[in-house]
Amino acid sequence: MPEFLLQRRRLLLAAVGSLALILFLGRFALGAGTTTPAAPLPPPPVAGAGVTGLPSSRVEVDVVGAVHRRGLYRLAQGSRIADALTRAGGATPKADLAQVNLAAPLADGEQVVVPHRGAPGAPTGAAGAPGAPAAPVQLSTATLEQLDTLPGVGPVTAQKILDYRQKHGAFASVDELDAVPGIGPKRLDELRDLVVP
């Protein structure tokens, strides 16, 4: 084969190889399959859908007490305590569900306590000093009646706490109480040892 044709053939192979390399790198840099239509996005989760929705984020909670399967559970953002109880196999027959606000929203890292009926330390307000709860009141799940047992918190302030929780979600810290109308720094100091987020 003449030298001229051999050199021409080499140049042609180099050009084809360079073009293939450029196409490959271009496809890699722009992302493979960009010409393929993307799959449709899943619908946004329905509020209160619990674990059945396709959430964009999740919360992890610890469910303890009178439930069939205690443990850590991951649930969809916006899930309620009722959803956590369902994941834990439901409440046992000895559970005192009157002490649990099943509609309260869950916060990441929260512990959901389902007390046994008549268990010491259940937040009923009946034991201990008059007007003081027997155990710390959980701000993220407490009912109006449970909040009303706190010293210096009457039904009006208890409702303000519930309204704040409804608007802002579960309490992340006890210090958030300072943002509730009617609870100032002094009242917060009085309640600090009586409540948990």
N, C-alpha and C. Protein backbone atom coordinates (compact mmCIF):
# COMPACT_ATOMS: atom_id res chain seq x y z
N MET A 1 0.85 -1.17 0.00
CA MET A 1 0.00 0.00 0.00
C MET A 1 0.90 1.23 0.00
N PRO A 2 0.61 2.20 -0.87
CA PRO A 2 1.45 3.40 -0.94
C PRO A 2 1.41 4.15 0.38
N GLU A 3 2.52 4.83 0.65
CA GLU A 3 2.65 5.59 1.90
C GLU A 3 1.57 6.66 2.01
N PHE A 4 1.18 7.26 0.92
CA PHE A 4 0.18 8.31 0.92
C PHE A 4 -1.17 7.78 1.42
N LEU A 5 -1.58 6.61 0.90
CA LEU A 5 -2.86 6.01 1.32
C LEU A 5 -2.81 5.56 2.78
N LEU A 6 -1.67 5.05 3.20
CA LEU A 6 -1.53 4.61 4.59
C LEU A 6 -1.63 5.79 5.54
N GLN A 7 -0.99 6.90 5.18
CA GLN A 7 -1.06 8.08 6.03
C GLN A 7 -2.49 8.64 6.05
N ARG A 8 -3.15 8.62 4.90
CA ARG A 8 -4.53 9.10 4.82
C ARG A 8 -5.45 8.23 5.67
N ARG A 9 -5.22 6.94 5.64
CA ARG A 9 -6.04 6.00 6.42
C ARG A 9 -5.85 6.25 7.92
N ARG A 10 -4.60 6.48 8.35
CA ARG A 10 -4.32 6.76 9.75
C ARG A 10 -5.03 8.03 10.20
N LEU A 11 -4.96 9.07 9.36
CA LEU A 11 -5.63 10.33 9.69
C LEU A 11 -7.14 10.14 9.79
N LEU A 12 -7.72 9.37 8.92
CA LEU A 12 -9.15 9.10 8.94
C LEU A 12 -9.53 8.33 10.19
N LEU A 13 -8.75 7.34 10.58
CA LEU A 13 -9.02 6.57 11.81
C LEU A 13 -8.87 7.46 13.04
N ALA A 14 -7.87 8.33 13.05
CA ALA A 14 -7.67 9.25 14.17
C ALA A 14 -8.84 10.21 14.28
N ALA A 15 -9.33 10.70 13.14
CA ALA A 15 -10.47 11.62 13.15
C ALA A 15 -11.73 10.92 13.66
N VAL A 16 -11.98 9.71 13.19
CA VAL A 16 -13.15 8.96 13.65
C VAL A 16 -13.04 8.65 15.14
N GLY A 17 -11.87 8.27 15.58
CA GLY A 17 -11.66 8.00 17.01
C GLY A 17 -11.85 9.24 17.86
N SER A 18 -11.32 10.38 17.38
CA SER A 18 -11.48 11.65 18.10
C SER A 18 -12.95 12.04 18.18
N LEU A 19 -13.67 11.88 17.07
CA LEU A 19 -15.09 12.21 17.04
C LEU A 19 -15.87 11.32 18.00
N ALA A 20 -15.55 10.04 18.01
CA ALA A 20 -16.23 9.11 18.93
C ALA A 20 -15.93 9.49 20.38
N LEU A 21 -14.69 9.86 20.67
CA LEU A 21 -14.31 10.27 22.02
C LEU A 21 -15.04 11.55 22.42
N ILE A 22 -15.12 12.52 21.53
CA ILE A 22 -15.83 13.78 21.81
C ILE A 22 -17.30 13.51 22.07
N LEU A 23 -17.93 12.68 21.24
CA LEU A 23 -19.35 12.34 21.44
C LEU A 23 -19.56 11.63 22.78
N PHE A 24 -18.68 10.71 23.09
CA PHE A 24 -18.80 9.99 24.36
C PHE A 24 -18.65 10.93 25.55
N LEU A 25 -17.61 11.78 25.53
CA LEU A 25 -17.39 12.71 26.62
C LEU A 25 -18.51 13.73 26.72
N GLY A 26 -19.00 14.19 25.57
CA GLY A 26 -20.12 15.14 25.58
C GLY A 26 -21.36 14.52 26.18
N ARG A 27 -21.64 13.31 25.84
CA ARG A 27 -22.80 12.60 26.39
C ARG A 27 -22.62 12.38 27.89
N PHE A 28 -21.40 12.06 28.32
CA PHE A 28 -21.10 11.85 29.75
C PHE A 28 -21.22 13.16 30.51
N ALA A 29 -20.68 14.24 29.96
CA ALA A 29 -20.69 15.53 30.64
C ALA A 29 -22.10 16.08 30.77
N LEU A 30 -22.93 15.89 29.77
CA LEU A 30 -24.30 16.40 29.82
C LEU A 30 -25.25 15.44 30.52
N GLY A 31 -24.78 14.29 30.83
CA GLY A 31 -25.62 13.31 31.50
C GLY A 31 -26.18 12.34 30.49
N ALA A 32 -25.92 11.09 30.73
CA ALA A 32 -26.39 10.06 29.81
C ALA A 32 -27.90 10.03 29.79
N GLY A 33 -28.45 9.86 28.61
CA GLY A 33 -29.90 9.71 28.51
C GLY A 33 -30.68 11.00 28.63
N THR A 34 -30.05 12.16 28.31
CA THR A 34 -30.78 13.42 28.45
C THR A 34 -31.88 13.53 27.40
N THR A 35 -31.79 12.75 26.33
CA THR A 35 -32.83 12.81 25.32
C THR A 35 -34.01 11.95 25.70
N THR A 36 -33.85 11.09 26.67
CA THR A 36 -34.96 10.26 27.13
C THR A 36 -35.84 11.07 28.05
N PRO A 37 -37.16 11.09 27.82
CA PRO A 37 -38.03 11.87 28.71
C PRO A 37 -37.97 11.33 30.14
N ALA A 38 -37.95 12.24 31.09
CA ALA A 38 -37.90 11.85 32.49
C ALA A 38 -39.23 11.25 32.92
N ALA A 39 -39.15 10.33 33.87
CA ALA A 39 -40.36 9.74 34.41
C ALA A 39 -41.13 10.82 35.18
N PRO A 40 -42.47 10.77 35.15
CA PRO A 40 -43.24 11.78 35.87
C PRO A 40 -42.97 11.70 37.37
N LEU A 41 -42.97 12.86 38.02
CA LEU A 41 -42.75 12.91 39.46
C LEU A 41 -43.95 12.33 40.18
N PRO A 42 -43.72 11.68 41.33
CA PRO A 42 -44.86 11.16 42.09
C PRO A 42 -45.65 12.33 42.67
N PRO A 43 -46.95 12.12 42.92
CA PRO A 43 -47.75 13.20 43.49
C PRO A 43 -47.25 13.55 44.88
N PRO A 44 -47.43 14.81 45.31
CA PRO A 44 -47.00 15.17 46.67
C PRO A 44 -47.80 14.41 47.70
N PRO A 45 -47.20 14.15 48.89
CA PRO A 45 -47.92 13.40 49.90
C PRO A 45 -49.12 14.19 50.41
N VAL A 46 -50.18 13.47 50.68
CA VAL A 46 -51.38 14.07 51.25
C VAL A 46 -51.14 14.29 52.73
N ALA A 47 -51.53 15.45 53.23
CA ALA A 47 -51.33 15.74 54.65
C ALA A 47 -52.01 14.67 55.49
N GLY A 48 -51.31 14.16 56.46
CA GLY A 48 -51.86 13.13 57.35
C GLY A 48 -51.89 11.76 56.72
N ALA A 49 -51.21 11.59 55.56
CA ALA A 49 -51.26 10.31 54.88
C ALA A 49 -50.46 9.25 55.61
N GLY A 50 -49.62 9.65 56.55
CA GLY A 50 -48.84 8.67 57.31
C GLY A 50 -47.83 8.01 56.42
N VAL A 51 -47.70 6.71 56.58
CA VAL A 51 -46.66 5.99 55.86
C VAL A 51 -47.07 5.62 54.45
N THR A 52 -48.32 5.92 54.04
CA THR A 52 -48.75 5.52 52.71
C THR A 52 -48.31 6.49 51.63
N GLY A 53 -48.00 7.75 51.96
CA GLY A 53 -47.58 8.73 50.97
C GLY A 53 -46.13 8.53 50.58
N LEU A 54 -45.71 9.29 49.58
CA LEU A 54 -44.32 9.25 49.17
C LEU A 54 -43.68 10.55 49.63
N PRO A 55 -43.15 10.58 50.87
CA PRO A 55 -42.70 11.84 51.45
C PRO A 55 -41.37 12.29 50.87
N SER A 56 -41.17 13.61 50.95
CA SER A 56 -39.88 14.14 50.53
C SER A 56 -38.88 14.02 51.68
N SER A 57 -39.38 13.92 52.89
CA SER A 57 -38.50 13.73 54.05
C SER A 57 -39.23 12.90 55.08
N ARG A 58 -38.48 12.41 56.06
CA ARG A 58 -39.06 11.52 57.06
C ARG A 58 -38.70 11.98 58.45
N VAL A 59 -39.45 11.51 59.42
CA VAL A 59 -39.13 11.72 60.82
C VAL A 59 -38.93 10.35 61.46
N GLU A 60 -38.07 10.31 62.45
CA GLU A 60 -37.83 9.06 63.16
C GLU A 60 -38.26 9.27 64.60
N VAL A 61 -39.12 8.36 65.09
CA VAL A 61 -39.64 8.48 66.44
C VAL A 61 -39.46 7.17 67.19
N ASP A 62 -39.42 7.28 68.52
CA ASP A 62 -39.28 6.13 69.41
C ASP A 62 -40.63 5.91 70.07
N VAL A 63 -41.26 4.78 69.81
CA VAL A 63 -42.57 4.48 70.39
C VAL A 63 -42.38 3.49 71.52
N VAL A 64 -42.81 3.87 72.73
CA VAL A 64 -42.64 3.03 73.91
C VAL A 64 -43.95 2.98 74.69
N GLY A 65 -43.97 2.10 75.68
CA GLY A 65 -45.13 2.01 76.55
C GLY A 65 -46.07 0.89 76.13
N ALA A 66 -47.36 1.14 76.26
CA ALA A 66 -48.38 0.11 76.05
C ALA A 66 -48.71 -0.04 74.56
N VAL A 67 -47.73 -0.50 73.79
CA VAL A 67 -47.93 -0.80 72.38
C VAL A 67 -47.43 -2.22 72.12
N HIS A 68 -47.86 -2.81 71.01
CA HIS A 68 -47.49 -4.19 70.71
C HIS A 68 -46.03 -4.35 70.28
N ARG A 69 -45.49 -3.37 69.53
CA ARG A 69 -44.10 -3.47 69.06
C ARG A 69 -43.38 -2.15 69.33
N ARG A 70 -42.70 -2.07 70.45
CA ARG A 70 -41.93 -0.87 70.78
C ARG A 70 -40.73 -0.77 69.85
N GLY A 71 -40.31 0.45 69.60
CA GLY A 71 -39.10 0.59 68.79
C GLY A 71 -39.06 1.91 68.05
N LEU A 72 -38.02 2.01 67.19
CA LEU A 72 -37.82 3.20 66.36
C LEU A 72 -38.55 3.01 65.04
N TYR A 73 -39.26 4.06 64.62
CA TYR A 73 -40.00 3.99 63.38
C TYR A 73 -39.76 5.24 62.55
N ARG A 74 -39.60 5.05 61.23
CA ARG A 74 -39.49 6.18 60.31
C ARG A 74 -40.84 6.36 59.65
N LEU A 75 -41.32 7.60 59.71
CA LEU A 75 -42.62 7.92 59.13
C LEU A 75 -42.49 9.15 58.26
N ALA A 76 -43.48 9.37 57.44
CA ALA A 76 -43.49 10.53 56.55
C ALA A 76 -43.59 11.81 57.35
N GLN A 77 -42.92 12.84 56.86
CA GLN A 77 -43.04 14.17 57.45
C GLN A 77 -44.51 14.54 57.46
N GLY A 78 -45.00 15.06 58.58
CA GLY A 78 -46.41 15.42 58.70
C GLY A 78 -47.27 14.32 59.29
N SER A 79 -46.67 13.17 59.63
CA SER A 79 -47.43 12.09 60.24
C SER A 79 -47.87 12.48 61.65
N ARG A 80 -48.87 11.80 62.14
CA ARG A 80 -49.44 12.06 63.46
C ARG A 80 -49.08 10.91 64.40
N ILE A 81 -49.34 11.15 65.68
CA ILE A 81 -49.06 10.11 66.69
C ILE A 81 -49.87 8.85 66.37
N ALA A 82 -51.07 9.01 65.86
CA ALA A 82 -51.87 7.84 65.49
C ALA A 82 -51.14 6.97 64.46
N ASP A 83 -50.42 7.61 63.52
CA ASP A 83 -49.66 6.85 62.52
C ASP A 83 -48.52 6.05 63.19
N ALA A 84 -47.87 6.67 64.18
CA ALA A 84 -46.78 5.99 64.89
C ALA A 84 -47.32 4.79 65.65
N LEU A 85 -48.48 4.94 66.28
CA LEU A 85 -49.09 3.82 67.01
C LEU A 85 -49.45 2.69 66.06
N THR A 86 -49.95 3.04 64.88
CA THR A 86 -50.29 2.01 63.89
C THR A 86 -49.04 1.23 63.50
N ARG A 87 -47.92 1.95 63.25
CA ARG A 87 -46.66 1.28 62.88
C ARG A 87 -46.16 0.38 64.00
N ALA A 88 -46.47 0.76 65.26
CA ALA A 88 -46.02 -0.02 66.41
C ALA A 88 -47.00 -1.15 66.75
N GLY A 89 -47.89 -1.47 65.84
CA GLY A 89 -48.80 -2.58 66.05
C GLY A 89 -50.05 -2.22 66.84
N GLY A 90 -50.22 -0.95 67.12
CA GLY A 90 -51.39 -0.51 67.86
C GLY A 90 -51.17 -0.57 69.37
N ALA A 91 -52.11 0.04 70.08
CA ALA A 91 -52.04 0.06 71.54
C ALA A 91 -52.51 -1.27 72.11
N THR A 92 -51.97 -1.63 73.26
CA THR A 92 -52.41 -2.85 73.94
C THR A 92 -53.73 -2.56 74.66
N PRO A 93 -54.44 -3.60 75.10
CA PRO A 93 -55.69 -3.37 75.82
C PRO A 93 -55.50 -2.59 77.13
N LYS A 94 -54.28 -2.59 77.66
CA LYS A 94 -54.03 -1.89 78.92
C LYS A 94 -53.61 -0.44 78.72
N ALA A 95 -53.57 0.03 77.47
CA ALA A 95 -53.13 1.40 77.18
C ALA A 95 -54.17 2.41 77.64
N ASP A 96 -53.69 3.53 78.12
CA ASP A 96 -54.57 4.64 78.52
C ASP A 96 -54.48 5.70 77.42
N LEU A 97 -55.25 5.50 76.35
CA LEU A 97 -55.18 6.39 75.21
C LEU A 97 -55.79 7.76 75.48
N ALA A 98 -56.51 7.91 76.58
CA ALA A 98 -57.05 9.22 76.95
C ALA A 98 -55.91 10.18 77.29
N GLN A 99 -54.73 9.65 77.60
CA GLN A 99 -53.58 10.48 77.96
C GLN A 99 -52.71 10.81 76.75
N VAL A 100 -53.12 10.36 75.56
CA VAL A 100 -52.32 10.54 74.36
C VAL A 100 -53.12 11.34 73.33
N ASN A 101 -52.54 12.39 72.82
CA ASN A 101 -53.18 13.17 71.77
C ASN A 101 -52.82 12.53 70.43
N LEU A 102 -53.69 11.69 69.91
CA LEU A 102 -53.42 10.93 68.70
C LEU A 102 -53.30 11.82 67.46
N ALA A 103 -53.85 13.02 67.53
CA ALA A 103 -53.81 13.92 66.38
C ALA A 103 -52.57 14.80 66.34
N ALA A 104 -51.74 14.75 67.37
CA ALA A 104 -50.56 15.62 67.43
C ALA A 104 -49.57 15.25 66.35
N PRO A 105 -48.96 16.25 65.68
CA PRO A 105 -47.95 15.94 64.67
C PRO A 105 -46.67 15.46 65.31
N LEU A 106 -45.96 14.60 64.59
CA LEU A 106 -44.70 14.05 65.09
C LEU A 106 -43.54 14.95 64.73
N ALA A 107 -42.55 14.99 65.62
CA ALA A 107 -41.31 15.71 65.37
C ALA A 107 -40.17 14.69 65.31
N ASP A 108 -39.18 14.96 64.49
CA ASP A 108 -38.05 14.05 64.37
C ASP A 108 -37.34 13.92 65.72
N GLY A 109 -37.07 12.70 66.14
CA GLY A 109 -36.38 12.44 67.40
C GLY A 109 -37.30 12.39 68.60
N GLU A 110 -38.59 12.48 68.38
CA GLU A 110 -39.55 12.49 69.49
C GLU A 110 -39.75 11.09 70.05
N GLN A 111 -40.03 11.02 71.34
CA GLN A 111 -40.41 9.76 71.96
C GLN A 111 -41.91 9.81 72.22
N VAL A 112 -42.64 8.84 71.68
CA VAL A 112 -44.07 8.74 71.89
C VAL A 112 -44.30 7.73 73.00
N VAL A 113 -44.84 8.20 74.12
CA VAL A 113 -45.08 7.35 75.28
C VAL A 113 -46.56 7.07 75.38
N VAL A 114 -46.93 5.79 75.35
CA VAL A 114 -48.31 5.39 75.53
C VAL A 114 -48.40 4.77 76.93
N PRO A 115 -48.97 5.51 77.90
CA PRO A 115 -48.99 5.01 79.28
C PRO A 115 -49.98 3.87 79.47
N HIS A 116 -49.69 3.03 80.47
CA HIS A 116 -50.62 1.98 80.88
C HIS A 116 -51.68 2.60 81.79
N ARG A 117 -52.88 2.07 81.76
CA ARG A 117 -53.92 2.57 82.65
C ARG A 117 -53.50 2.38 84.09
N GLY A 118 -53.60 3.47 84.86
CA GLY A 118 -53.29 3.42 86.28
C GLY A 118 -51.81 3.33 86.58
N ALA A 119 -50.97 3.48 85.58
CA ALA A 119 -49.52 3.38 85.80
C ALA A 119 -49.03 4.59 86.58
N PRO A 120 -48.14 4.37 87.55
CA PRO A 120 -47.58 5.52 88.25
C PRO A 120 -46.78 6.37 87.28
N GLY A 121 -46.94 7.67 87.43
CA GLY A 121 -46.21 8.58 86.55
C GLY A 121 -46.97 8.93 85.30
N ALA A 122 -48.18 8.37 85.11
CA ALA A 122 -48.98 8.77 83.96
C ALA A 122 -49.41 10.21 84.18
N PRO A 123 -49.34 11.04 83.18
CA PRO A 123 -49.60 12.46 83.37
C PRO A 123 -51.07 12.78 83.55
N THR A 124 -51.65 12.31 84.63
CA THR A 124 -53.06 12.56 84.88
C THR A 124 -53.27 13.76 85.76
N GLY A 125 -52.28 14.16 86.53
CA GLY A 125 -52.42 15.29 87.42
C GLY A 125 -53.11 14.91 88.72
N ALA A 126 -53.46 13.67 88.91
CA ALA A 126 -54.18 13.26 90.11
C ALA A 126 -53.23 13.02 91.27
N ALA A 127 -52.01 12.57 90.99
CA ALA A 127 -51.09 12.26 92.07
C ALA A 127 -50.19 13.45 92.35
N GLY A 128 -49.51 13.46 93.46
CA GLY A 128 -48.54 14.51 93.78
C GLY A 128 -49.23 15.75 94.32
N ALA A 129 -48.56 16.86 94.23
CA ALA A 129 -49.09 18.11 94.75
C ALA A 129 -50.29 18.55 93.94
N PRO A 130 -51.26 19.19 94.60
CA PRO A 130 -52.43 19.64 93.86
C PRO A 130 -52.03 20.63 92.78
N GLY A 131 -52.61 20.44 91.59
CA GLY A 131 -52.33 21.34 90.48
C GLY A 131 -51.04 21.06 89.75
N ALA A 132 -50.24 20.10 90.20
CA ALA A 132 -48.98 19.78 89.52
C ALA A 132 -49.08 18.39 88.90
N PRO A 133 -48.61 18.22 87.66
CA PRO A 133 -48.66 16.90 87.05
C PRO A 133 -47.69 15.93 87.72
N ALA A 134 -48.02 14.62 87.64
CA ALA A 134 -47.21 13.59 88.28
C ALA A 134 -45.91 13.33 87.51
N ALA A 135 -45.91 13.58 86.21
CA ALA A 135 -44.73 13.37 85.37
C ALA A 135 -44.62 14.54 84.41
N PRO A 136 -43.46 14.74 83.80
CA PRO A 136 -43.35 15.85 82.85
C PRO A 136 -44.41 15.74 81.75
N VAL A 137 -45.01 16.86 81.42
CA VAL A 137 -46.01 16.93 80.36
C VAL A 137 -45.29 17.10 79.04
N GLN A 138 -45.65 16.28 78.06
CA GLN A 138 -45.02 16.34 76.75
C GLN A 138 -45.74 17.40 75.90
N LEU A 139 -45.06 18.51 75.64
CA LEU A 139 -45.68 19.65 74.95
C LEU A 139 -46.19 19.29 73.56
N SER A 140 -45.53 18.38 72.88
CA SER A 140 -45.90 18.05 71.50
C SER A 140 -47.12 17.15 71.41
N THR A 141 -47.53 16.57 72.54
CA THR A 141 -48.65 15.63 72.48
C THR A 141 -49.73 15.89 73.52
N ALA A 142 -49.48 16.79 74.45
CA ALA A 142 -50.40 17.00 75.57
C ALA A 142 -51.74 17.55 75.12
N THR A 143 -52.78 17.17 75.84
CA THR A 143 -54.12 17.69 75.61
C THR A 143 -54.29 18.98 76.38
N LEU A 144 -55.37 19.69 76.12
CA LEU A 144 -55.66 20.92 76.85
C LEU A 144 -55.76 20.63 78.34
N GLU A 145 -56.38 19.53 78.70
CA GLU A 145 -56.55 19.17 80.12
C GLU A 145 -55.20 18.92 80.79
N GLN A 146 -54.28 18.27 80.09
CA GLN A 146 -52.95 18.01 80.66
C GLN A 146 -52.17 19.30 80.82
N LEU A 147 -52.25 20.19 79.85
CA LEU A 147 -51.55 21.47 79.94
C LEU A 147 -52.14 22.33 81.06
N ASP A 148 -53.44 22.20 81.28
CA ASP A 148 -54.13 22.97 82.32
C ASP A 148 -53.67 22.58 83.72
N THR A 149 -53.07 21.39 83.87
CA THR A 149 -52.59 20.96 85.19
C THR A 149 -51.29 21.64 85.59
N LEU A 150 -50.63 22.29 84.62
CA LEU A 150 -49.36 22.95 84.92
C LEU A 150 -49.60 24.21 85.74
N PRO A 151 -48.73 24.50 86.70
CA PRO A 151 -48.92 25.69 87.53
C PRO A 151 -48.83 26.97 86.71
N GLY A 152 -49.80 27.85 86.91
CA GLY A 152 -49.82 29.12 86.19
C GLY A 152 -50.34 29.03 84.78
N VAL A 153 -50.74 27.85 84.34
CA VAL A 153 -51.29 27.67 82.99
C VAL A 153 -52.76 27.30 83.14
N GLY A 154 -53.61 28.22 82.81
CA GLY A 154 -55.05 27.95 82.84
C GLY A 154 -55.54 27.49 81.49
N PRO A 155 -56.84 27.33 81.33
CA PRO A 155 -57.38 26.87 80.05
C PRO A 155 -57.06 27.81 78.88
N VAL A 156 -57.01 29.13 79.15
CA VAL A 156 -56.74 30.07 78.07
C VAL A 156 -55.30 29.91 77.57
N THR A 157 -54.33 29.86 78.49
CA THR A 157 -52.93 29.69 78.08
C THR A 157 -52.70 28.31 77.48
N ALA A 158 -53.38 27.30 78.04
CA ALA A 158 -53.26 25.95 77.48
C ALA A 158 -53.72 25.94 76.02
N GLN A 159 -54.81 26.66 75.73
CA GLN A 159 -55.29 26.74 74.35
C GLN A 159 -54.30 27.47 73.46
N LYS A 160 -53.62 28.49 74.01
CA LYS A 160 -52.61 29.21 73.24
C LYS A 160 -51.44 28.29 72.89
N ILE A 161 -51.08 27.41 73.83
CA ILE A 161 -50.01 26.43 73.55
C ILE A 161 -50.44 25.49 72.43
N LEU A 162 -51.70 25.04 72.49
CA LEU A 162 -52.20 24.15 71.44
C LEU A 162 -52.26 24.87 70.10
N ASP A 163 -52.67 26.14 70.11
CA ASP A 163 -52.71 26.92 68.87
C ASP A 163 -51.31 27.10 68.28
N TYR A 164 -50.34 27.38 69.15
CA TYR A 164 -48.95 27.53 68.70
C TYR A 164 -48.47 26.22 68.07
N ARG A 165 -48.76 25.11 68.73
CA ARG A 165 -48.34 23.79 68.23
C ARG A 165 -49.00 23.49 66.89
N GLN A 166 -50.27 23.85 66.75
CA GLN A 166 -50.99 23.61 65.50
C GLN A 166 -50.35 24.41 64.36
N LYS A 167 -49.94 25.63 64.65
CA LYS A 167 -49.38 26.51 63.63
C LYS A 167 -47.93 26.17 63.29
N HIS A 168 -47.11 25.83 64.32
CA HIS A 168 -45.67 25.65 64.12
C HIS A 168 -45.22 24.19 64.16
N GLY A 169 -46.10 23.26 64.49
CA GLY A 169 -45.70 21.86 64.58
C GLY A 169 -45.21 21.51 65.98
N ALA A 170 -44.70 20.31 66.11
CA ALA A 170 -44.26 19.80 67.41
C ALA A 170 -43.14 20.67 67.98
N PHE A 171 -43.08 20.73 69.30
CA PHE A 171 -42.05 21.51 69.98
C PHE A 171 -40.71 20.80 69.83
N ALA A 172 -39.69 21.55 69.45
CA ALA A 172 -38.34 21.00 69.36
C ALA A 172 -37.59 21.17 70.68
N SER A 173 -37.98 22.19 71.47
CA SER A 173 -37.36 22.40 72.77
C SER A 173 -38.35 23.12 73.67
N VAL A 174 -38.10 23.03 74.97
CA VAL A 174 -38.95 23.69 75.96
C VAL A 174 -38.86 25.20 75.79
N ASP A 175 -37.73 25.71 75.34
CA ASP A 175 -37.54 27.15 75.17
C ASP A 175 -38.54 27.77 74.19
N GLU A 176 -39.12 26.97 73.31
CA GLU A 176 -40.12 27.48 72.38
C GLU A 176 -41.35 28.03 73.09
N LEU A 177 -41.58 27.60 74.33
CA LEU A 177 -42.73 28.10 75.09
C LEU A 177 -42.68 29.61 75.23
N ASP A 178 -41.49 30.18 75.21
CA ASP A 178 -41.34 31.63 75.35
C ASP A 178 -42.04 32.37 74.21
N ALA A 179 -42.23 31.71 73.07
CA ALA A 179 -42.89 32.34 71.92
C ALA A 179 -44.41 32.29 72.02
N VAL A 180 -44.94 31.54 72.99
CA VAL A 180 -46.39 31.44 73.18
C VAL A 180 -46.87 32.68 73.93
N PRO A 181 -47.88 33.38 73.41
CA PRO A 181 -48.39 34.55 74.12
C PRO A 181 -48.85 34.18 75.53
N GLY A 182 -48.45 34.98 76.50
CA GLY A 182 -48.85 34.73 77.89
C GLY A 182 -47.82 33.97 78.69
N ILE A 183 -46.78 33.45 78.03
CA ILE A 183 -45.71 32.75 78.74
C ILE A 183 -44.42 33.54 78.52
N GLY A 184 -43.97 34.18 79.56
CA GLY A 184 -42.73 34.94 79.49
C GLY A 184 -41.59 34.17 80.09
N PRO A 185 -40.43 34.80 80.23
CA PRO A 185 -39.25 34.13 80.78
C PRO A 185 -39.47 33.59 82.19
N LYS A 186 -40.20 34.33 83.02
CA LYS A 186 -40.42 33.89 84.40
C LYS A 186 -41.28 32.61 84.43
N ARG A 187 -42.36 32.62 83.68
CA ARG A 187 -43.23 31.43 83.62
C ARG A 187 -42.49 30.26 83.01
N LEU A 188 -41.67 30.53 82.00
CA LEU A 188 -40.88 29.47 81.37
C LEU A 188 -39.96 28.81 82.39
N ASP A 189 -39.30 29.59 83.23
CA ASP A 189 -38.44 29.03 84.27
C ASP A 189 -39.21 28.16 85.24
N GLU A 190 -40.47 28.55 85.57
CA GLU A 190 -41.29 27.75 86.47
C GLU A 190 -41.70 26.42 85.84
N LEU A 191 -41.87 26.42 84.51
CA LEU A 191 -42.35 25.22 83.84
C LEU A 191 -41.24 24.30 83.32
N ARG A 192 -40.00 24.82 83.29
CA ARG A 192 -38.91 24.09 82.65
C ARG A 192 -38.75 22.66 83.14
N ASP A 193 -38.90 22.40 84.45
CA ASP A 193 -38.72 21.05 85.00
C ASP A 193 -40.00 20.22 84.94
N LEU A 194 -41.10 20.83 84.48
CA LEU A 194 -42.38 20.13 84.48
C LEU A 194 -42.81 19.69 83.09
N VAL A 195 -42.08 20.14 82.06
CA VAL A 195 -42.47 19.80 80.69
C VAL A 195 -41.26 19.30 79.90
N VAL A 196 -41.56 18.56 78.86
CA VAL A 196 -40.54 18.10 77.90
C VAL A 196 -41.09 18.40 76.50
N PRO A 197 -40.21 18.52 75.51
CA PRO A 197 -40.71 18.84 74.15
C PRO A 197 -41.64 17.77 73.65
